[in-house]
Amino acid sequence: MANRRAIIWDFDGVFYDFDQVPEGAPSFYDLCDEANAVTMCRLLKGLDYEEARRLARSSFDTYNDPVTGLLPLAKEYGYSEEDFTRETYYGFNDMLSQLVEKHCPDLFKPCVQTIRAFLGGAGYVRHGILTHSCRHRWAKPVLNMMRKTDFFDPDHVMGFEDFDFKPKGQGVEGLNELLGRLNARADQTIFVEDTLGHLQVAKAAY
């Protein structure tokens, strides 16, 4: 760790466990599908809810984000890629927040052990987050609920909107931007991810 200056974290599936929902509650994946389906039905009038859920799951499975897989259909409805991406993205994050609060409000309770670990490394490394989630409508509120906000400079938390909705599995634009903000080289940085493809893209680039 002596030459490490920064840690870049993914967020969802890393800072909290998708499987830690109350018994009998919908799974986190089901909540994501519902949030995306509801958002799509609001934007694409007349779209069947079950078809919307199927498209939502397909987008997550293929692209690991709630936007990319929906773009061809959106263009048929007359949306530009930019407009539909933003409206779907923000609608999804808002709806998911409401569903989590309703079904599993304790998902983001603070963890004493990890807070101690962050405190133990304070002053040695800088922490950054690079996520496909929304910075203001998801990542920062969740960090606050988990009592981890103080470990991250506000400029070092980057959501999907901050790197122009370009998936981490398709390029390193977001990583390049965040490395610059952290003032760290890739060989001085630890990357923490739960998606192998994102690590493979970063490794190939750096």
C-alpha atoms as a PDB file:
ATOM      1  CA  MET A   1       0.000   0.000   0.000  1.00  0.00           C
ATOM      2  CA  ALA A   2       2.989   2.308   0.349  1.00  0.00           C
ATOM      3  CA  ASN A   3       2.755   3.659  -3.216  1.00  0.00           C
ATOM      4  CA  ARG A   4      -1.049   3.779  -3.370  1.00  0.00           C
ATOM      5  CA  ARG A   5      -2.478   7.267  -3.432  1.00  0.00           C
ATOM      6  CA  ALA A   6      -6.134   6.565  -4.184  1.00  0.00           C
ATOM      7  CA  ILE A   7      -8.944   4.034  -4.191  1.00  0.00           C
ATOM      8  CA  ILE A   8     -11.650   4.290  -6.816  1.00  0.00           C
ATOM      9  CA  TRP A   9     -14.781   2.488  -5.718  1.00  0.00           C
ATOM     10  CA  ASP A  10     -17.746   1.253  -7.645  1.00  0.00           C
ATOM     11  CA  PHE A  11     -20.854   1.860  -5.560  1.00  0.00           C
ATOM     12  CA  ASP A  12     -23.840  -0.463  -6.001  1.00  0.00           C
ATOM     13  CA  GLY A  13     -23.001  -3.971  -4.860  1.00  0.00           C
ATOM     14  CA  VAL A  14     -19.784  -2.727  -3.239  1.00  0.00           C
ATOM     15  CA  PHE A  15     -20.885  -0.305  -0.528  1.00  0.00           C
ATOM     16  CA  TYR A  16     -23.917  -2.380   0.333  1.00  0.00           C
ATOM     17  CA  ASP A  17     -25.048  -5.957  -0.254  1.00  0.00           C
ATOM     18  CA  PHE A  18     -27.902  -6.402  -2.728  1.00  0.00           C
ATOM     19  CA  ASP A  19     -29.046  -9.490  -0.823  1.00  0.00           C
ATOM     20  CA  GLN A  20     -29.524  -7.774   2.530  1.00  0.00           C
ATOM     21  CA  VAL A  21     -33.253  -7.113   2.219  1.00  0.00           C
ATOM     22  CA  PRO A  22     -35.883  -8.156   4.791  1.00  0.00           C
ATOM     23  CA  GLU A  23     -37.373 -11.615   4.507  1.00  0.00           C
ATOM     24  CA  GLY A  24     -40.480 -11.499   2.351  1.00  0.00           C
ATOM     25  CA  ALA A  25     -39.535  -8.199   0.708  1.00  0.00           C
ATOM     26  CA  PRO A  26     -38.875  -7.958  -3.040  1.00  0.00           C
ATOM     27  CA  SER A  27     -35.259  -8.503  -4.018  1.00  0.00           C
ATOM     28  CA  PHE A  28     -33.178  -5.455  -4.819  1.00  0.00           C
ATOM     29  CA  TYR A  29     -33.045  -6.618  -8.447  1.00  0.00           C
ATOM     30  CA  ASP A  30     -36.854  -6.752  -8.530  1.00  0.00           C
ATOM     31  CA  LEU A  31     -36.978  -3.214  -7.175  1.00  0.00           C
ATOM     32  CA  CYS A  32     -34.589  -2.077  -9.911  1.00  0.00           C
ATOM     33  CA  ASP A  33     -36.727  -3.755 -12.564  1.00  0.00           C
ATOM     34  CA  GLU A  34     -39.877  -2.162 -11.153  1.00  0.00           C
ATOM     35  CA  ALA A  35     -38.305   1.289 -10.965  1.00  0.00           C
ATOM     36  CA  ASN A  36     -37.143   1.066 -14.537  1.00  0.00           C
ATOM     37  CA  ALA A  37     -40.434  -0.375 -15.799  1.00  0.00           C
ATOM     38  CA  VAL A  38     -42.529   2.320 -14.099  1.00  0.00           C
ATOM     39  CA  THR A  39     -40.256   5.013 -15.513  1.00  0.00           C
ATOM     40  CA  MET A  40     -40.436   3.550 -19.014  1.00  0.00           C
ATOM     41  CA  CYS A  41     -44.226   3.278 -18.917  1.00  0.00           C
ATOM     42  CA  ARG A  42     -44.457   6.938 -17.909  1.00  0.00           C
ATOM     43  CA  LEU A  43     -42.250   8.011 -20.806  1.00  0.00           C
ATOM     44  CA  LEU A  44     -43.361   5.531 -23.470  1.00  0.00           C
ATOM     45  CA  LYS A  45     -47.151   5.832 -23.286  1.00  0.00           C
ATOM     46  CA  GLY A  46     -48.939   2.598 -24.114  1.00  0.00           C
ATOM     47  CA  LEU A  47     -46.027   0.300 -23.368  1.00  0.00           C
ATOM     48  CA  ASP A  48     -47.145  -2.826 -21.522  1.00  0.00           C
ATOM     49  CA  TYR A  49     -45.809  -3.011 -17.956  1.00  0.00           C
ATOM     50  CA  GLU A  50     -44.603  -6.607 -18.226  1.00  0.00           C
ATOM     51  CA  GLU A  51     -42.820  -5.838 -21.481  1.00  0.00           C
ATOM     52  CA  ALA A  52     -41.237  -2.842 -19.776  1.00  0.00           C
ATOM     53  CA  ARG A  53     -39.968  -5.112 -16.984  1.00  0.00           C
ATOM     54  CA  ARG A  54     -38.523  -7.528 -19.521  1.00  0.00           C
ATOM     55  CA  LEU A  55     -36.696  -4.731 -21.320  1.00  0.00           C
ATOM     56  CA  ALA A  56     -35.477  -3.364 -18.002  1.00  0.00           C
ATOM     57  CA  ARG A  57     -33.954  -6.693 -16.972  1.00  0.00           C
ATOM     58  CA  SER A  58     -32.424  -7.153 -20.421  1.00  0.00           C
ATOM     59  CA  SER A  59     -30.725  -3.758 -20.176  1.00  0.00           C
ATOM     60  CA  PHE A  60     -29.233  -4.560 -16.775  1.00  0.00           C
ATOM     61  CA  ASP A  61     -28.100  -8.020 -17.844  1.00  0.00           C
ATOM     62  CA  THR A  62     -26.492  -6.787 -21.050  1.00  0.00           C
ATOM     63  CA  TYR A  63     -25.124  -3.344 -20.182  1.00  0.00           C
ATOM     64  CA  ASN A  64     -25.194  -3.192 -16.380  1.00  0.00           C
ATOM     65  CA  ASP A  65     -27.075   0.097 -16.550  1.00  0.00           C
ATOM     66  CA  PRO A  66     -30.768   1.055 -16.799  1.00  0.00           C
ATOM     67  CA  VAL A  67     -30.462   3.163 -19.947  1.00  0.00           C
ATOM     68  CA  THR A  68     -28.451   1.744 -22.836  1.00  0.00           C
ATOM     69  CA  GLY A  69     -30.685  -1.187 -23.749  1.00  0.00           C
ATOM     70  CA  LEU A  70     -33.751   1.053 -24.010  1.00  0.00           C
ATOM     71  CA  LEU A  71     -32.408   3.536 -26.533  1.00  0.00           C
ATOM     72  CA  PRO A  72     -33.537   1.791 -29.762  1.00  0.00           C
ATOM     73  CA  LEU A  73     -37.142   1.694 -28.536  1.00  0.00           C
ATOM     74  CA  ALA A  74     -36.976   5.290 -27.338  1.00  0.00           C
ATOM     75  CA  LYS A  75     -35.947   6.460 -30.806  1.00  0.00           C
ATOM     76  CA  GLU A  76     -39.067   4.800 -32.216  1.00  0.00           C
ATOM     77  CA  TYR A  77     -41.079   7.023 -29.876  1.00  0.00           C
ATOM     78  CA  GLY A  78     -39.283  10.106 -31.168  1.00  0.00           C
ATOM     79  CA  TYR A  79     -36.872  10.732 -28.299  1.00  0.00           C
ATOM     80  CA  SER A  80     -33.339  11.836 -28.918  1.00  0.00           C
ATOM     81  CA  GLU A  81     -30.745   9.635 -27.243  1.00  0.00           C
ATOM     82  CA  GLU A  82     -29.692  12.448 -24.920  1.00  0.00           C
ATOM     83  CA  ASP A  83     -33.196  13.408 -23.802  1.00  0.00           C
ATOM     84  CA  PHE A  84     -34.398   9.870 -23.198  1.00  0.00           C
ATOM     85  CA  THR A  85     -31.208   8.910 -21.409  1.00  0.00           C
ATOM     86  CA  ARG A  86     -31.546  11.757 -18.952  1.00  0.00           C
ATOM     87  CA  GLU A  87     -35.277  11.363 -18.351  1.00  0.00           C
ATOM     88  CA  THR A  88     -35.046   7.586 -17.878  1.00  0.00           C
ATOM     89  CA  TYR A  89     -31.978   7.875 -15.692  1.00  0.00           C
ATOM     90  CA  TYR A  90     -33.327  10.455 -13.281  1.00  0.00           C
ATOM     91  CA  GLY A  91     -36.777   8.875 -13.190  1.00  0.00           C
ATOM     92  CA  PHE A  92     -35.256   5.483 -12.405  1.00  0.00           C
ATOM     93  CA  ASN A  93     -33.097   6.798  -9.566  1.00  0.00           C
ATOM     94  CA  ASP A  94     -36.010   8.704  -8.010  1.00  0.00           C
ATOM     95  CA  MET A  95     -38.368   5.720  -8.233  1.00  0.00           C
ATOM     96  CA  LEU A  96     -35.769   3.290  -6.870  1.00  0.00           C
ATOM     97  CA  SER A  97     -35.211   5.552  -3.861  1.00  0.00           C
ATOM     98  CA  GLN A  98     -38.944   5.492  -3.119  1.00  0.00           C
ATOM     99  CA  LEU A  99     -39.175   1.709  -3.480  1.00  0.00           C
ATOM    100  CA  VAL A 100     -36.176   1.065  -1.226  1.00  0.00           C
ATOM    101  CA  GLU A 101     -37.571   3.391   1.424  1.00  0.00           C
ATOM    102  CA  LYS A 102     -40.871   1.492   1.266  1.00  0.00           C
ATOM    103  CA  HIS A 103     -39.608  -2.109   1.175  1.00  0.00           C
ATOM    104  CA  CYS A 104     -36.147  -2.162   2.809  1.00  0.00           C
ATOM    105  CA  PRO A 105     -35.442   1.118   4.637  1.00  0.00           C
ATOM    106  CA  ASP A 106     -32.634  -0.431   6.702  1.00  0.00           C
ATOM    107  CA  LEU A 107     -30.590  -1.527   3.679  1.00  0.00           C
ATOM    108  CA  PHE A 108     -28.195   1.379   4.129  1.00  0.00           C
ATOM    109  CA  LYS A 109     -27.782   1.402   7.903  1.00  0.00           C
ATOM    110  CA  PRO A 110     -24.268   2.396   9.034  1.00  0.00           C
ATOM    111  CA  CYS A 111     -21.661  -0.350   9.452  1.00  0.00           C
ATOM    112  CA  VAL A 112     -19.317   0.309  12.371  1.00  0.00           C
ATOM    113  CA  GLN A 113     -16.549  -1.953  11.058  1.00  0.00           C
ATOM    114  CA  THR A 114     -16.255  -0.264   7.680  1.00  0.00           C
ATOM    115  CA  ILE A 115     -16.446   3.210   9.204  1.00  0.00           C
ATOM    116  CA  ARG A 116     -13.514   2.258  11.433  1.00  0.00           C
ATOM    117  CA  ALA A 117     -11.629   0.992   8.382  1.00  0.00           C
ATOM    118  CA  PHE A 118     -12.116   4.300   6.578  1.00  0.00           C
ATOM    119  CA  LEU A 119     -11.016   6.199   9.679  1.00  0.00           C
ATOM    120  CA  GLY A 120      -7.911   4.028   9.896  1.00  0.00           C
ATOM    121  CA  GLY A 121      -6.819   5.030   6.408  1.00  0.00           C
ATOM    122  CA  ALA A 122      -7.645   8.719   6.728  1.00  0.00           C
ATOM    123  CA  GLY A 123      -4.833  10.910   5.452  1.00  0.00           C
ATOM    124  CA  TYR A 124      -3.080   8.084   3.590  1.00  0.00           C
ATOM    125  CA  VAL A 125      -5.241   7.624   0.508  1.00  0.00           C
ATOM    126  CA  ARG A 126      -7.927   9.610  -1.294  1.00  0.00           C
ATOM    127  CA  HIS A 127     -11.237   7.914  -1.993  1.00  0.00           C
ATOM    128  CA  GLY A 128     -13.339   8.339  -5.104  1.00  0.00           C
ATOM    129  CA  ILE A 129     -16.577   6.785  -6.369  1.00  0.00           C
ATOM    130  CA  LEU A 130     -17.364   6.047 -10.004  1.00  0.00           C
ATOM    131  CA  THR A 131     -20.878   4.707 -10.414  1.00  0.00           C
ATOM    132  CA  HIS A 132     -23.606   4.221 -12.987  1.00  0.00           C
ATOM    133  CA  SER A 133     -26.009   5.520 -10.351  1.00  0.00           C
ATOM    134  CA  CYS A 134     -26.971   9.177 -10.032  1.00  0.00           C
ATOM    135  CA  ARG A 135     -24.598  11.208  -7.888  1.00  0.00           C
ATOM    136  CA  HIS A 136     -27.185  13.520  -6.277  1.00  0.00           C
ATOM    137  CA  ARG A 137     -30.266  11.283  -6.294  1.00  0.00           C
ATOM    138  CA  TRP A 138     -28.655   8.023  -5.181  1.00  0.00           C
ATOM    139  CA  ALA A 139     -24.944   7.825  -4.325  1.00  0.00           C
ATOM    140  CA  LYS A 140     -24.668  10.857  -2.048  1.00  0.00           C
ATOM    141  CA  PRO A 141     -27.927  10.218  -0.143  1.00  0.00           C
ATOM    142  CA  VAL A 142     -26.924   6.583   0.397  1.00  0.00           C
ATOM    143  CA  LEU A 143     -23.443   7.597   1.558  1.00  0.00           C
ATOM    144  CA  ASN A 144     -25.071   9.962   4.030  1.00  0.00           C
ATOM    145  CA  MET A 145     -27.341   7.227   5.402  1.00  0.00           C
ATOM    146  CA  MET A 146     -24.300   4.971   5.797  1.00  0.00           C
ATOM    147  CA  ARG A 147     -22.372   7.755   7.581  1.00  0.00           C
ATOM    148  CA  LYS A 148     -19.577   7.738   4.996  1.00  0.00           C
ATOM    149  CA  THR A 149     -20.035  11.165   3.400  1.00  0.00           C
ATOM    150  CA  ASP A 150     -17.111  12.686   5.277  1.00  0.00           C
ATOM    151  CA  PHE A 151     -14.631  10.262   3.689  1.00  0.00           C
ATOM    152  CA  PHE A 152     -15.239  11.616   0.177  1.00  0.00           C
ATOM    153  CA  ASP A 153     -14.530  15.028  -1.264  1.00  0.00           C
ATOM    154  CA  PRO A 154     -17.789  16.050  -3.041  1.00  0.00           C
ATOM    155  CA  ASP A 155     -15.906  16.359  -6.348  1.00  0.00           C
ATOM    156  CA  HIS A 156     -14.629  12.795  -5.983  1.00  0.00           C
ATOM    157  CA  VAL A 157     -18.100  11.234  -6.213  1.00  0.00           C
ATOM    158  CA  MET A 158     -18.984  10.812  -9.887  1.00  0.00           C
ATOM    159  CA  GLY A 159     -22.311   9.506 -11.140  1.00  0.00           C
ATOM    160  CA  PHE A 160     -23.210   8.266 -14.607  1.00  0.00           C
ATOM    161  CA  GLU A 161     -24.272  11.785 -15.626  1.00  0.00           C
ATOM    162  CA  ASP A 162     -20.772  13.068 -14.846  1.00  0.00           C
ATOM    163  CA  PHE A 163     -19.159  10.970 -17.563  1.00  0.00           C
ATOM    164  CA  ASP A 164     -21.836  11.517 -20.209  1.00  0.00           C
ATOM    165  CA  PHE A 165     -23.625   8.207 -19.629  1.00  0.00           C
ATOM    166  CA  LYS A 166     -20.796   6.222 -21.212  1.00  0.00           C
ATOM    167  CA  PRO A 167     -20.788   2.764 -19.554  1.00  0.00           C
ATOM    168  CA  LYS A 168     -17.619   1.773 -17.719  1.00  0.00           C
ATOM    169  CA  GLY A 169     -17.600  -1.443 -19.713  1.00  0.00           C
ATOM    170  CA  GLN A 170     -17.217   0.521 -22.941  1.00  0.00           C
ATOM    171  CA  GLY A 171     -14.489   3.027 -22.129  1.00  0.00           C
ATOM    172  CA  VAL A 172     -12.438   4.811 -19.489  1.00  0.00           C
ATOM    173  CA  GLU A 173     -13.687   8.375 -19.848  1.00  0.00           C
ATOM    174  CA  GLY A 174     -15.010   8.363 -16.303  1.00  0.00           C
ATOM    175  CA  LEU A 175     -11.874   6.803 -14.867  1.00  0.00           C
ATOM    176  CA  ASN A 176      -9.684   9.351 -16.625  1.00  0.00           C
ATOM    177  CA  GLU A 177     -11.728  12.218 -15.211  1.00  0.00           C
ATOM    178  CA  LEU A 178     -11.751  10.838 -11.675  1.00  0.00           C
ATOM    179  CA  LEU A 179      -8.023  10.047 -11.679  1.00  0.00           C
ATOM    180  CA  GLY A 180      -7.426  13.682 -12.588  1.00  0.00           C
ATOM    181  CA  ARG A 181      -9.642  14.906  -9.773  1.00  0.00           C
ATOM    182  CA  LEU A 182      -7.837  12.608  -7.326  1.00  0.00           C
ATOM    183  CA  ASN A 183      -4.450  13.719  -8.673  1.00  0.00           C
ATOM    184  CA  ALA A 184      -3.373  10.077  -8.947  1.00  0.00           C
ATOM    185  CA  ARG A 185      -1.986   7.853 -11.673  1.00  0.00           C
ATOM    186  CA  ALA A 186      -3.618   4.530 -12.486  1.00  0.00           C
ATOM    187  CA  ASP A 187      -0.594   2.635 -11.158  1.00  0.00           C
ATOM    188  CA  GLN A 188      -1.053   4.437  -7.838  1.00  0.00           C
ATOM    189  CA  THR A 189      -4.722   3.517  -7.596  1.00  0.00           C
ATOM    190  CA  ILE A 190      -6.710   0.529  -6.399  1.00  0.00           C
ATOM    191  CA  PHE A 191      -9.911  -0.163  -8.332  1.00  0.00           C
ATOM    192  CA  VAL A 192     -12.752  -1.821  -6.407  1.00  0.00           C
ATOM    193  CA  GLU A 193     -15.479  -3.278  -8.653  1.00  0.00           C
ATOM    194  CA  ASP A 194     -18.086  -6.022  -8.629  1.00  0.00           C
ATOM    195  CA  THR A 195     -18.279  -6.188 -12.441  1.00  0.00           C
ATOM    196  CA  LEU A 196     -15.386  -8.004 -14.073  1.00  0.00           C
ATOM    197  CA  GLY A 197     -15.870  -6.355 -17.462  1.00  0.00           C
ATOM    198  CA  HIS A 198     -15.301  -2.906 -15.993  1.00  0.00           C
ATOM    199  CA  LEU A 199     -11.977  -4.006 -14.516  1.00  0.00           C
ATOM    200  CA  GLN A 200     -10.949  -5.621 -17.787  1.00  0.00           C
ATOM    201  CA  VAL A 201     -11.568  -2.401 -19.707  1.00  0.00           C
ATOM    202  CA  ALA A 202      -9.551  -0.393 -17.157  1.00  0.00           C
ATOM    203  CA  LYS A 203      -6.686  -2.894 -17.205  1.00  0.00           C
ATOM    204  CA  ALA A 204      -6.555  -2.889 -21.005  1.00  0.00           C
ATOM    205  CA  ALA A 205      -6.443   0.902 -21.090  1.00  0.00           C
ATOM    206  CA  TYR A 206      -3.853   1.413 -18.378  1.00  0.00           C
END
